[in-house]
PDB file of all heavy atoms in Angstrom:
ATOM      1  N   GLN A   1     -16.811  -2.583  -8.446  1.00  0.00           N
ATOM      2  CA  GLN A   1     -18.167  -3.044  -8.224  1.00  0.00           C
ATOM      3  C   GLN A   1     -19.191  -2.073  -8.796  1.00  0.00           C
ATOM      4  O   GLN A   1     -20.223  -2.496  -9.357  1.00  0.00           O
ATOM      5  CB  GLN A   1     -18.394  -3.243  -6.705  1.00  0.00           C
ATOM      6  CG  GLN A   1     -19.726  -3.883  -6.359  1.00  0.00           C
ATOM      7  CD  GLN A   1     -19.929  -5.223  -7.012  1.00  0.00           C
ATOM      8  OE1 GLN A   1     -19.058  -6.082  -6.885  1.00  0.00           O
ATOM      9  NE2 GLN A   1     -21.031  -5.438  -7.697  1.00  0.00           N
ATOM     10  N   TYR A   2     -18.917  -0.797  -8.680  1.00  0.00           N
ATOM     11  CA  TYR A   2     -19.829   0.214  -9.217  1.00  0.00           C
ATOM     12  C   TYR A   2     -19.958   0.070 -10.739  1.00  0.00           C
ATOM     13  O   TYR A   2     -21.067   0.138 -11.288  1.00  0.00           O
ATOM     14  CB  TYR A   2     -19.363   1.623  -8.837  1.00  0.00           C
ATOM     15  CG  TYR A   2     -20.191   2.693  -9.494  1.00  0.00           C
ATOM     16  CD1 TYR A   2     -21.433   3.084  -8.959  1.00  0.00           C
ATOM     17  CD2 TYR A   2     -19.738   3.354 -10.653  1.00  0.00           C
ATOM     18  CE1 TYR A   2     -22.187   4.040  -9.573  1.00  0.00           C
ATOM     19  CE2 TYR A   2     -20.509   4.350 -11.250  1.00  0.00           C
ATOM     20  CZ  TYR A   2     -21.715   4.677 -10.725  1.00  0.00           C
ATOM     21  OH  TYR A   2     -22.488   5.648 -11.318  1.00  0.00           O
ATOM     22  N   LEU A   3     -18.842  -0.127 -11.419  1.00  0.00           N
ATOM     23  CA  LEU A   3     -18.865  -0.236 -12.882  1.00  0.00           C
ATOM     24  C   LEU A   3     -19.633  -1.511 -13.323  1.00  0.00           C
ATOM     25  O   LEU A   3     -20.328  -1.479 -14.340  1.00  0.00           O
ATOM     26  CB  LEU A   3     -17.443  -0.255 -13.444  1.00  0.00           C
ATOM     27  CG  LEU A   3     -16.731   1.110 -13.511  1.00  0.00           C
ATOM     28  CD1 LEU A   3     -15.302   0.940 -13.967  1.00  0.00           C
ATOM     29  CD2 LEU A   3     -17.492   2.045 -14.478  1.00  0.00           C
ATOM     30  N   VAL A   4     -19.479  -2.588 -12.569  1.00  0.00           N
ATOM     31  CA  VAL A   4     -20.231  -3.801 -12.919  1.00  0.00           C
ATOM     32  C   VAL A   4     -21.730  -3.514 -12.865  1.00  0.00           C
ATOM     33  O   VAL A   4     -22.447  -3.828 -13.825  1.00  0.00           O
ATOM     34  CB  VAL A   4     -19.872  -4.919 -11.910  1.00  0.00           C
ATOM     35  CG1 VAL A   4     -20.847  -6.103 -12.100  1.00  0.00           C
ATOM     36  CG2 VAL A   4     -18.440  -5.420 -12.156  1.00  0.00           C
ATOM     37  N   ASN A   5     -22.185  -2.881 -11.811  1.00  0.00           N
ATOM     38  CA  ASN A   5     -23.627  -2.596 -11.676  1.00  0.00           C
ATOM     39  C   ASN A   5     -24.083  -1.547 -12.704  1.00  0.00           C
ATOM     40  O   ASN A   5     -25.188  -1.641 -13.276  1.00  0.00           O
ATOM     41  CB  ASN A   5     -23.937  -2.108 -10.255  1.00  0.00           C
ATOM     42  CG  ASN A   5     -23.677  -3.170  -9.217  1.00  0.00           C
ATOM     43  OD1 ASN A   5     -23.752  -4.362  -9.476  1.00  0.00           O
ATOM     44  ND2 ASN A   5     -23.356  -2.753  -8.010  1.00  0.00           N
ATOM     45  N   GLU A   6     -23.260  -0.529 -12.937  1.00  0.00           N
ATOM     46  CA  GLU A   6     -23.685   0.554 -13.827  1.00  0.00           C
ATOM     47  C   GLU A   6     -23.722   0.084 -15.284  1.00  0.00           C
ATOM     48  O   GLU A   6     -24.654   0.457 -16.048  1.00  0.00           O
ATOM     49  CB  GLU A   6     -22.718   1.718 -13.694  1.00  0.00           C
ATOM     50  CG  GLU A   6     -23.155   2.984 -14.391  1.00  0.00           C
ATOM     51  CD  GLU A   6     -24.493   3.496 -13.877  1.00  0.00           C
ATOM     52  OE1 GLU A   6     -24.775   3.311 -12.674  1.00  0.00           O
ATOM     53  OE2 GLU A   6     -25.270   4.048 -14.693  1.00  0.00           O
ATOM     54  N   LEU A   7     -22.809  -0.787 -15.682  1.00  0.00           N
ATOM     55  CA  LEU A   7     -22.852  -1.294 -17.071  1.00  0.00           C
ATOM     56  C   LEU A   7     -23.998  -2.251 -17.252  1.00  0.00           C
ATOM     57  O   LEU A   7     -24.576  -2.324 -18.348  1.00  0.00           O
ATOM     58  CB  LEU A   7     -21.494  -1.950 -17.418  1.00  0.00           C
ATOM     59  CG  LEU A   7     -20.514  -1.019 -18.172  1.00  0.00           C
ATOM     60  CD1 LEU A   7     -20.222   0.214 -17.331  1.00  0.00           C
ATOM     61  CD2 LEU A   7     -19.256  -1.780 -18.547  1.00  0.00           C
ATOM     62  N   LYS A   8     -24.366  -3.005 -16.225  1.00  0.00           N
ATOM     63  CA  LYS A   8     -25.568  -3.863 -16.323  1.00  0.00           C
ATOM     64  C   LYS A   8     -26.811  -3.001 -16.555  1.00  0.00           C
ATOM     65  O   LYS A   8     -27.675  -3.330 -17.379  1.00  0.00           O
ATOM     66  CB  LYS A   8     -25.733  -4.678 -15.044  1.00  0.00           C
ATOM     67  CG  LYS A   8     -24.776  -5.855 -14.889  1.00  0.00           C
ATOM     68  CD  LYS A   8     -25.061  -6.590 -13.597  1.00  0.00           C
ATOM     69  CE  LYS A   8     -24.097  -7.769 -13.426  1.00  0.00           C
ATOM     70  NZ  LYS A   8     -24.363  -8.471 -12.127  1.00  0.00           N
ATOM     71  N   ARG A   9     -26.889  -1.903 -15.821  1.00  0.00           N
ATOM     72  CA  ARG A   9     -28.050  -1.026 -15.995  1.00  0.00           C
ATOM     73  C   ARG A   9     -28.046  -0.357 -17.338  1.00  0.00           C
ATOM     74  O   ARG A   9     -29.109  -0.217 -17.980  1.00  0.00           O
ATOM     75  CB  ARG A   9     -28.025   0.064 -14.856  1.00  0.00           C
ATOM     76  CG  ARG A   9     -29.275   0.872 -14.733  1.00  0.00           C
ATOM     77  CD  ARG A   9     -29.101   1.976 -13.715  1.00  0.00           C
ATOM     78  NE  ARG A   9     -28.144   2.942 -14.160  1.00  0.00           N
ATOM     79  CZ  ARG A   9     -28.433   3.956 -14.987  1.00  0.00           C
ATOM     80  NH1 ARG A   9     -29.667   4.091 -15.458  1.00  0.00           N
ATOM     81  NH2 ARG A   9     -27.522   4.805 -15.377  1.00  0.00           N
ATOM     82  N   ALA A  10     -26.883   0.029 -17.819  1.00  0.00           N
ATOM     83  CA  ALA A  10     -26.804   0.661 -19.147  1.00  0.00           C
ATOM     84  C   ALA A  10     -27.192  -0.282 -20.235  1.00  0.00           C
ATOM     85  O   ALA A  10     -27.850   0.083 -21.202  1.00  0.00           O
ATOM     86  CB  ALA A  10     -25.381   1.184 -19.353  1.00  0.00           C
ATOM     87  N   ARG A  11     -26.824  -1.575 -20.133  1.00  0.00           N
ATOM     88  CA  ARG A  11     -27.228  -2.570 -21.109  1.00  0.00           C
ATOM     89  C   ARG A  11     -28.765  -2.732 -21.128  1.00  0.00           C
ATOM     90  O   ARG A  11     -29.397  -2.834 -22.200  1.00  0.00           O
ATOM     91  CB  ARG A  11     -26.567  -3.900 -20.822  1.00  0.00           C
ATOM     92  CG  ARG A  11     -25.136  -4.022 -21.247  1.00  0.00           C
ATOM     93  CD  ARG A  11     -24.677  -5.491 -21.226  1.00  0.00           C
ATOM     94  NE  ARG A  11     -23.257  -5.580 -21.590  1.00  0.00           N
ATOM     95  CZ  ARG A  11     -22.270  -5.600 -20.708  1.00  0.00           C
ATOM     96  NH1 ARG A  11     -22.536  -5.507 -19.406  1.00  0.00           N
ATOM     97  NH2 ARG A  11     -21.017  -5.661 -21.112  1.00  0.00           N
ATOM     98  N   ARG A  12     -29.327  -2.752 -19.932  1.00  0.00           N
ATOM     99  CA  ARG A  12     -30.775  -2.969 -19.843  1.00  0.00           C
ATOM    100  C   ARG A  12     -31.554  -1.858 -20.477  1.00  0.00           C
ATOM    101  O   ARG A  12     -32.557  -2.055 -21.178  1.00  0.00           O
ATOM    102  CB  ARG A  12     -31.162  -3.139 -18.384  1.00  0.00           C
ATOM    103  CG  ARG A  12     -32.680  -3.233 -18.174  1.00  0.00           C
ATOM    104  CD  ARG A  12     -33.015  -3.497 -16.714  1.00  0.00           C
ATOM    105  NE  ARG A  12     -32.503  -4.746 -16.237  1.00  0.00           N
ATOM    106  CZ  ARG A  12     -32.652  -5.180 -14.979  1.00  0.00           C
ATOM    107  NH1 ARG A  12     -33.272  -4.401 -14.089  1.00  0.00           N
ATOM    108  NH2 ARG A  12     -32.171  -6.353 -14.636  1.00  0.00           N
ATOM    109  N   TYR A  13     -31.120  -0.597 -20.272  1.00  0.00           N
ATOM    110  CA  TYR A  13     -31.884   0.563 -20.725  1.00  0.00           C
ATOM    111  C   TYR A  13     -31.301   1.198 -21.974  1.00  0.00           C
ATOM    112  O   TYR A  13     -31.784   2.244 -22.425  1.00  0.00           O
ATOM    113  CB  TYR A  13     -31.977   1.597 -19.613  1.00  0.00           C
ATOM    114  CG  TYR A  13     -32.751   1.077 -18.402  1.00  0.00           C
ATOM    115  CD1 TYR A  13     -32.063   0.723 -17.253  1.00  0.00           C
ATOM    116  CD2 TYR A  13     -34.125   0.915 -18.430  1.00  0.00           C
ATOM    117  CE1 TYR A  13     -32.744   0.252 -16.153  1.00  0.00           C
ATOM    118  CE2 TYR A  13     -34.819   0.436 -17.338  1.00  0.00           C
ATOM    119  CZ  TYR A  13     -34.132   0.100 -16.193  1.00  0.00           C
ATOM    120  OH  TYR A  13     -34.792  -0.402 -15.106  1.00  0.00           O
ATOM    121  N   GLY A  14     -30.252   0.618 -22.542  1.00  0.00           N
ATOM    122  CA  GLY A  14     -29.669   1.122 -23.780  1.00  0.00           C
ATOM    123  C   GLY A  14     -29.023   2.496 -23.619  1.00  0.00           C
ATOM    124  O   GLY A  14     -29.024   3.309 -24.545  1.00  0.00           O
ATOM    125  N   SER A  15     -28.464   2.775 -22.438  1.00  0.00           N
ATOM    126  CA  SER A  15     -27.812   4.067 -22.188  1.00  0.00           C
ATOM    127  C   SER A  15     -26.292   3.954 -22.347  1.00  0.00           C
ATOM    128  O   SER A  15     -25.760   2.878 -22.581  1.00  0.00           O
ATOM    129  CB  SER A  15     -28.161   4.592 -20.828  1.00  0.00           C
ATOM    130  OG  SER A  15     -27.772   3.667 -19.834  1.00  0.00           O
ATOM    131  N   GLN A  16     -25.601   5.056 -22.181  1.00  0.00           N
ATOM    132  CA  GLN A  16     -24.169   5.120 -22.310  1.00  0.00           C
ATOM    133  C   GLN A  16     -23.525   5.491 -21.011  1.00  0.00           C
ATOM    134  O   GLN A  16     -24.088   6.210 -20.197  1.00  0.00           O
ATOM    135  CB  GLN A  16     -23.744   6.109 -23.406  1.00  0.00           C
ATOM    136  CG  GLN A  16     -24.128   5.722 -24.820  1.00  0.00           C
ATOM    137  CD  GLN A  16     -23.768   6.771 -25.819  1.00  0.00           C
ATOM    138  OE1 GLN A  16     -24.285   7.884 -25.860  1.00  0.00           O
ATOM    139  NE2 GLN A  16     -22.789   6.438 -26.657  1.00  0.00           N
ATOM    140  N   VAL A  17     -22.305   4.993 -20.829  1.00  0.00           N
ATOM    141  CA  VAL A  17     -21.492   5.325 -19.647  1.00  0.00           C
ATOM    142  C   VAL A  17     -20.109   5.747 -20.136  1.00  0.00           C
ATOM    143  O   VAL A  17     -19.467   5.007 -20.891  1.00  0.00           O
ATOM    144  CB  VAL A  17     -21.365   4.152 -18.655  1.00  0.00           C
ATOM    145  CG1 VAL A  17     -20.463   4.520 -17.492  1.00  0.00           C
ATOM    146  CG2 VAL A  17     -22.731   3.696 -18.218  1.00  0.00           C
ATOM    147  N   THR A  18     -19.661   6.912 -19.681  1.00  0.00           N
ATOM    148  CA  THR A  18     -18.339   7.395 -20.079  1.00  0.00           C
ATOM    149  C   THR A  18     -17.477   7.521 -18.834  1.00  0.00           C
ATOM    150  O   THR A  18     -17.934   7.917 -17.757  1.00  0.00           O
ATOM    151  CB  THR A  18     -18.452   8.759 -20.778  1.00  0.00           C
ATOM    152  OG1 THR A  18     -19.203   8.624 -21.973  1.00  0.00           O
ATOM    153  CG2 THR A  18     -17.071   9.324 -21.121  1.00  0.00           C
ATOM    154  N   ALA A  19     -16.209   7.164 -19.008  1.00  0.00           N
ATOM    155  CA  ALA A  19     -15.227   7.253 -17.916  1.00  0.00           C
ATOM    156  C   ALA A  19     -13.979   7.941 -18.424  1.00  0.00           C
ATOM    157  O   ALA A  19     -13.590   7.781 -19.593  1.00  0.00           O
ATOM    158  CB  ALA A  19     -14.905   5.875 -17.363  1.00  0.00           C
ATOM    159  N   PHE A  20     -13.356   8.739 -17.576  1.00  0.00           N
ATOM    160  CA  PHE A  20     -12.070   9.282 -17.946  1.00  0.00           C
ATOM    161  C   PHE A  20     -11.037   9.066 -16.827  1.00  0.00           C
ATOM    162  O   PHE A  20     -11.343   9.065 -15.652  1.00  0.00           O
ATOM    163  CB  PHE A  20     -12.133  10.740 -18.390  1.00  0.00           C
ATOM    164  CG  PHE A  20     -12.567  11.732 -17.371  1.00  0.00           C
ATOM    165  CD1 PHE A  20     -11.673  12.275 -16.434  1.00  0.00           C
ATOM    166  CD2 PHE A  20     -13.884  12.207 -17.370  1.00  0.00           C
ATOM    167  CE1 PHE A  20     -12.092  13.214 -15.527  1.00  0.00           C
ATOM    168  CE2 PHE A  20     -14.315  13.138 -16.459  1.00  0.00           C
ATOM    169  CZ  PHE A  20     -13.403  13.659 -15.531  1.00  0.00           C
ATOM    170  N   PHE A  21      -9.840   8.797 -17.294  1.00  0.00           N
ATOM    171  CA  PHE A  21      -8.703   8.470 -16.440  1.00  0.00           C
ATOM    172  C   PHE A  21      -7.783   9.689 -16.479  1.00  0.00           C
ATOM    173  O   PHE A  21      -7.470  10.187 -17.563  1.00  0.00           O
ATOM    174  CB  PHE A  21      -7.968   7.249 -17.023  1.00  0.00           C
ATOM    175  CG  PHE A  21      -7.182   6.454 -16.049  1.00  0.00           C
ATOM    176  CD1 PHE A  21      -7.586   5.191 -15.647  1.00  0.00           C
ATOM    177  CD2 PHE A  21      -6.006   6.948 -15.514  1.00  0.00           C
ATOM    178  CE1 PHE A  21      -6.845   4.453 -14.761  1.00  0.00           C
ATOM    179  CE2 PHE A  21      -5.270   6.235 -14.606  1.00  0.00           C
ATOM    180  CZ  PHE A  21      -5.681   4.954 -14.226  1.00  0.00           C
ATOM    181  N   LEU A  22      -7.369  10.187 -15.307  1.00  0.00           N
ATOM    182  CA  LEU A  22      -6.463  11.318 -15.291  1.00  0.00           C
ATOM    183  C   LEU A  22      -5.259  11.003 -14.414  1.00  0.00           C
ATOM    184  O   LEU A  22      -5.397  10.379 -13.358  1.00  0.00           O
ATOM    185  CB  LEU A  22      -7.155  12.602 -14.879  1.00  0.00           C
ATOM    186  CG  LEU A  22      -7.558  12.786 -13.391  1.00  0.00           C
ATOM    187  CD1 LEU A  22      -6.491  13.507 -12.585  1.00  0.00           C
ATOM    188  CD2 LEU A  22      -8.887  13.569 -13.326  1.00  0.00           C
ATOM    189  N   ASP A  23      -4.098  11.453 -14.877  1.00  0.00           N
ATOM    190  CA  ASP A  23      -2.858  11.255 -14.146  1.00  0.00           C
ATOM    191  C   ASP A  23      -2.124  12.595 -14.059  1.00  0.00           C
ATOM    192  O   ASP A  23      -1.965  13.280 -15.094  1.00  0.00           O
ATOM    193  CB  ASP A  23      -1.968  10.228 -14.848  1.00  0.00           C
ATOM    194  CG  ASP A  23      -0.698   9.916 -14.086  1.00  0.00           C
ATOM    195  OD1 ASP A  23       0.304  10.649 -14.295  1.00  0.00           O
ATOM    196  OD2 ASP A  23      -0.703   8.987 -13.258  1.00  0.00           O
ATOM    197  N   LEU A  24      -1.720  13.001 -12.869  1.00  0.00           N
ATOM    198  CA  LEU A  24      -1.015  14.277 -12.702  1.00  0.00           C
ATOM    199  C   LEU A  24       0.326  14.253 -13.403  1.00  0.00           C
ATOM    200  O   LEU A  24       1.054  13.253 -13.345  1.00  0.00           O
ATOM    201  CB  LEU A  24      -0.834  14.603 -11.237  1.00  0.00           C
ATOM    202  CG  LEU A  24      -2.127  14.694 -10.409  1.00  0.00           C
ATOM    203  CD1 LEU A  24      -1.843  15.103  -8.979  1.00  0.00           C
ATOM    204  CD2 LEU A  24      -3.118  15.667 -11.016  1.00  0.00           C
ATOM    205  N   ASP A  25       0.658  15.360 -14.067  1.00  0.00           N
ATOM    206  CA  ASP A  25       1.918  15.471 -14.791  1.00  0.00           C
ATOM    207  C   ASP A  25       3.057  15.817 -13.863  1.00  0.00           C
ATOM    208  O   ASP A  25       2.965  16.790 -13.075  1.00  0.00           O
ATOM    209  CB  ASP A  25       1.821  16.497 -15.898  1.00  0.00           C
ATOM    210  CG  ASP A  25       0.758  16.151 -16.940  1.00  0.00           C
ATOM    211  OD1 ASP A  25       0.560  14.928 -17.168  1.00  0.00           O
ATOM    212  OD2 ASP A  25       0.123  17.055 -17.505  1.00  0.00           O
ATOM    213  N   ASP A  26       4.130  15.027 -13.903  1.00  0.00           N
ATOM    214  CA  ASP A  26       5.372  15.339 -13.138  1.00  0.00           C
ATOM    215  C   ASP A  26       5.095  15.516 -11.644  1.00  0.00           C
ATOM    216  O   ASP A  26       5.715  16.393 -10.996  1.00  0.00           O
ATOM    217  CB  ASP A  26       6.054  16.583 -13.675  1.00  0.00           C
ATOM    218  CG  ASP A  26       6.345  16.458 -15.198  1.00  0.00           C
ATOM    219  OD1 ASP A  26       6.820  15.377 -15.602  1.00  0.00           O
ATOM    220  OD2 ASP A  26       6.050  17.415 -15.927  1.00  0.00           O
ATOM    221  N   PHE A  27       4.190  14.721 -11.108  1.00  0.00           N
ATOM    222  CA  PHE A  27       3.873  14.847  -9.689  1.00  0.00           C
ATOM    223  C   PHE A  27       5.017  14.478  -8.790  1.00  0.00           C
ATOM    224  O   PHE A  27       5.149  14.944  -7.646  1.00  0.00           O
ATOM    225  CB  PHE A  27       2.631  13.982  -9.371  1.00  0.00           C
ATOM    226  CG  PHE A  27       2.156  14.119  -7.932  1.00  0.00           C
ATOM    227  CD1 PHE A  27       1.550  15.276  -7.487  1.00  0.00           C
ATOM    228  CD2 PHE A  27       2.364  13.078  -7.053  1.00  0.00           C
ATOM    229  CE1 PHE A  27       1.128  15.389  -6.169  1.00  0.00           C
ATOM    230  CE2 PHE A  27       1.943  13.197  -5.719  1.00  0.00           C
ATOM    231  CZ  PHE A  27       1.321  14.367  -5.286  1.00  0.00           C
ATOM    232  N   LYS A  28       5.929  13.617  -9.284  1.00  0.00           N
ATOM    233  CA  LYS A  28       7.070  13.191  -8.472  1.00  0.00           C
ATOM    234  C   LYS A  28       7.935  14.401  -8.066  1.00  0.00           C
ATOM    235  O   LYS A  28       8.533  14.376  -7.001  1.00  0.00           O
ATOM    236  CB  LYS A  28       7.915  12.210  -9.316  1.00  0.00           C
ATOM    237  CG  LYS A  28       9.102  11.607  -8.542  1.00  0.00           C
ATOM    238  CD  LYS A  28       9.796  10.539  -9.378  1.00  0.00           C
ATOM    239  CE  LYS A  28      10.971   9.943  -8.597  1.00  0.00           C
ATOM    240  NZ  LYS A  28      12.021  10.906  -8.274  1.00  0.00           N
ATOM    241  N   GLN A  29       7.954  15.440  -8.889  1.00  0.00           N
ATOM    242  CA  GLN A  29       8.734  16.610  -8.531  1.00  0.00           C
ATOM    243  C   GLN A  29       8.185  17.329  -7.316  1.00  0.00           C
ATOM    244  O   GLN A  29       8.952  17.900  -6.532  1.00  0.00           O
ATOM    245  CB  GLN A  29       8.773  17.602  -9.713  1.00  0.00           C
ATOM    246  CG  GLN A  29       9.485  17.071 -10.949  1.00  0.00           C
ATOM    247  CD  GLN A  29       9.495  18.048 -12.084  1.00  0.00           C
ATOM    248  OE1 GLN A  29       9.087  19.202 -11.914  1.00  0.00           O
ATOM    249  NE2 GLN A  29      10.000  17.619 -13.243  1.00  0.00           N
ATOM    250  N   VAL A  30       6.871  17.263  -7.103  1.00  0.00           N
ATOM    251  CA  VAL A  30       6.283  17.870  -5.888  1.00  0.00           C
ATOM    252  C   VAL A  30       6.788  17.152  -4.651  1.00  0.00           C
ATOM    253  O   VAL A  30       7.214  17.795  -3.685  1.00  0.00           O
ATOM    254  CB  VAL A  30       4.723  17.769  -5.965  1.00  0.00           C
ATOM    255  CG1 VAL A  30       4.123  18.304  -4.663  1.00  0.00           C
ATOM    256  CG2 VAL A  30       4.221  18.589  -7.151  1.00  0.00           C
ATOM    257  N   ASN A  31       6.807  15.817  -4.685  1.00  0.00           N
ATOM    258  CA  ASN A  31       7.323  15.038  -3.552  1.00  0.00           C
ATOM    259  C   ASN A  31       8.799  15.275  -3.335  1.00  0.00           C
ATOM    260  O   ASN A  31       9.270  15.431  -2.201  1.00  0.00           O
ATOM    261  CB  ASN A  31       7.016  13.560  -3.738  1.00  0.00           C
ATOM    262  CG  ASN A  31       5.556  13.228  -3.597  1.00  0.00           C
ATOM    263  OD1 ASN A  31       4.838  13.884  -2.837  1.00  0.00           O
ATOM    264  ND2 ASN A  31       5.105  12.221  -4.309  1.00  0.00           N
ATOM    265  N   ASP A  32       9.552  15.335  -4.446  1.00  0.00           N
ATOM    266  CA  ASP A  32      11.018  15.497  -4.350  1.00  0.00           C
ATOM    267  C   ASP A  32      11.388  16.877  -3.811  1.00  0.00           C
ATOM    268  O   ASP A  32      12.330  17.028  -3.028  1.00  0.00           O
ATOM    269  CB  ASP A  32      11.675  15.249  -5.707  1.00  0.00           C
ATOM    270  CG  ASP A  32      11.563  13.797  -6.131  1.00  0.00           C
ATOM    271  OD1 ASP A  32      11.270  12.936  -5.262  1.00  0.00           O
ATOM    272  OD2 ASP A  32      11.762  13.515  -7.346  1.00  0.00           O
ATOM    273  N   CYS A  33      10.682  17.911  -4.260  1.00  0.00           N
ATOM    274  CA  CYS A  33      11.037  19.290  -3.880  1.00  0.00           C
ATOM    275  C   CYS A  33      10.441  19.705  -2.537  1.00  0.00           C
ATOM    276  O   CYS A  33      11.079  20.483  -1.799  1.00  0.00           O
ATOM    277  CB  CYS A  33      10.580  20.262  -4.953  1.00  0.00           C
ATOM    278  SG  CYS A  33      11.404  19.998  -6.553  1.00  0.00           S
ATOM    279  N   HIS A  34       9.264  19.248  -2.217  1.00  0.00           N
ATOM    280  CA  HIS A  34       8.551  19.753  -1.036  1.00  0.00           C
ATOM    281  C   HIS A  34       8.256  18.688   0.028  1.00  0.00           C
ATOM    282  O   HIS A  34       7.798  19.026   1.102  1.00  0.00           O
ATOM    283  CB  HIS A  34       7.232  20.404  -1.481  1.00  0.00           C
ATOM    284  CG  HIS A  34       7.402  21.531  -2.464  1.00  0.00           C
ATOM    285  ND1 HIS A  34       7.832  22.791  -2.089  1.00  0.00           N
ATOM    286  CD2 HIS A  34       7.186  21.571  -3.797  1.00  0.00           C
ATOM    287  CE1 HIS A  34       7.904  23.580  -3.151  1.00  0.00           C
ATOM    288  NE2 HIS A  34       7.504  22.852  -4.196  1.00  0.00           N
ATOM    289  N   GLY A  35       8.472  17.452  -0.302  1.00  0.00           N
ATOM    290  CA  GLY A  35       8.223  16.371   0.677  1.00  0.00           C
ATOM    291  C   GLY A  35       6.889  15.675   0.443  1.00  0.00           C
ATOM    292  O   GLY A  35       5.988  16.213  -0.208  1.00  0.00           O
ATOM    293  N   HIS A  36       6.777  14.492   1.038  1.00  0.00           N
ATOM    294  CA  HIS A  36       5.556  13.692   0.820  1.00  0.00           C
ATOM    295  C   HIS A  36       4.355  14.261   1.545  1.00  0.00           C
ATOM    296  O   HIS A  36       3.200  14.019   1.122  1.00  0.00           O
ATOM    297  CB  HIS A  36       5.834  12.242   1.255  1.00  0.00           C
ATOM    298  CG  HIS A  36       6.733  11.500   0.311  1.00  0.00           C
ATOM    299  ND1 HIS A  36       6.297  10.943  -0.855  1.00  0.00           N
ATOM    300  CD2 HIS A  36       8.085  11.288   0.373  1.00  0.00           C
ATOM    301  CE1 HIS A  36       7.303  10.364  -1.473  1.00  0.00           C
ATOM    302  NE2 HIS A  36       8.418  10.573  -0.770  1.00  0.00           N
ATOM    303  N   LEU A  37       4.540  14.978   2.649  1.00  0.00           N
ATOM    304  CA  LEU A  37       3.393  15.581   3.335  1.00  0.00           C
ATOM    305  C   LEU A  37       2.726  16.617   2.459  1.00  0.00           C
ATOM    306  O   LEU A  37       1.484  16.669   2.398  1.00  0.00           O
ATOM    307  CB  LEU A  37       3.825  16.179   4.666  1.00  0.00           C
ATOM    308  CG  LEU A  37       4.256  15.199   5.773  1.00  0.00           C
ATOM    309  CD1 LEU A  37       4.702  15.979   7.009  1.00  0.00           C
ATOM    310  CD2 LEU A  37       3.099  14.263   6.096  1.00  0.00           C
ATOM    311  N   VAL A  38       3.516  17.433   1.788  1.00  0.00           N
ATOM    312  CA  VAL A  38       2.948  18.393   0.840  1.00  0.00           C
ATOM    313  C   VAL A  38       2.267  17.677  -0.307  1.00  0.00           C
ATOM    314  O   VAL A  38       1.164  18.026  -0.748  1.00  0.00           O
ATOM    315  CB  VAL A  38       4.022  19.345   0.297  1.00  0.00           C
ATOM    316  CG1 VAL A  38       3.504  20.186  -0.846  1.00  0.00           C
ATOM    317  CG2 VAL A  38       4.554  20.249   1.410  1.00  0.00           C
ATOM    318  N   GLY A  39       2.913  16.605  -0.807  1.00  0.00           N
ATOM    319  CA  GLY A  39       2.305  15.841  -1.888  1.00  0.00           C
ATOM    320  C   GLY A  39       0.963  15.243  -1.487  1.00  0.00           C
ATOM    321  O   GLY A  39       0.016  15.260  -2.278  1.00  0.00           O
ATOM    322  N   SER A  40       0.867  14.734  -0.258  1.00  0.00           N
ATOM    323  CA  SER A  40      -0.398  14.159   0.187  1.00  0.00           C
ATOM    324  C   SER A  40      -1.458  15.248   0.291  1.00  0.00           C
ATOM    325  O   SER A  40      -2.642  14.990  -0.067  1.00  0.00           O
ATOM    326  CB  SER A  40      -0.188  13.488   1.565  1.00  0.00           C
ATOM    327  OG  SER A  40       0.675  12.390   1.465  1.00  0.00           O
ATOM    328  N   HIS A  41      -1.084  16.426   0.766  1.00  0.00           N
ATOM    329  CA  HIS A  41      -2.065  17.512   0.863  1.00  0.00           C
ATOM    330  C   HIS A  41      -2.512  17.946  -0.500  1.00  0.00           C
ATOM    331  O   HIS A  41      -3.717  18.272  -0.705  1.00  0.00           O
ATOM    332  CB  HIS A  41      -1.467  18.698   1.613  1.00  0.00           C
ATOM    333  CG  HIS A  41      -2.492  19.615   2.160  1.00  0.00           C
ATOM    334  ND1 HIS A  41      -3.134  20.573   1.356  1.00  0.00           N
ATOM    335  CD2 HIS A  41      -3.041  19.784   3.396  1.00  0.00           C
ATOM    336  CE1 HIS A  41      -3.967  21.286   2.102  1.00  0.00           C
ATOM    337  NE2 HIS A  41      -3.948  20.817   3.320  1.00  0.00           N
TER     338      HIS A  41
END
C-alpha cells in the first residue's frame, strides 16, 4: 500500500523512488547450528 501511494506522488511531482531488496547469506546455517530462537533474535 505504501508503494502504491508513494509512486502516485512521485508521478505527480516528477520525483524518483528507489528500493533495495536484501537477503541474508546462508542464514539457514544460523538456524541449523544455533536453533530457531537464536535465528529469530
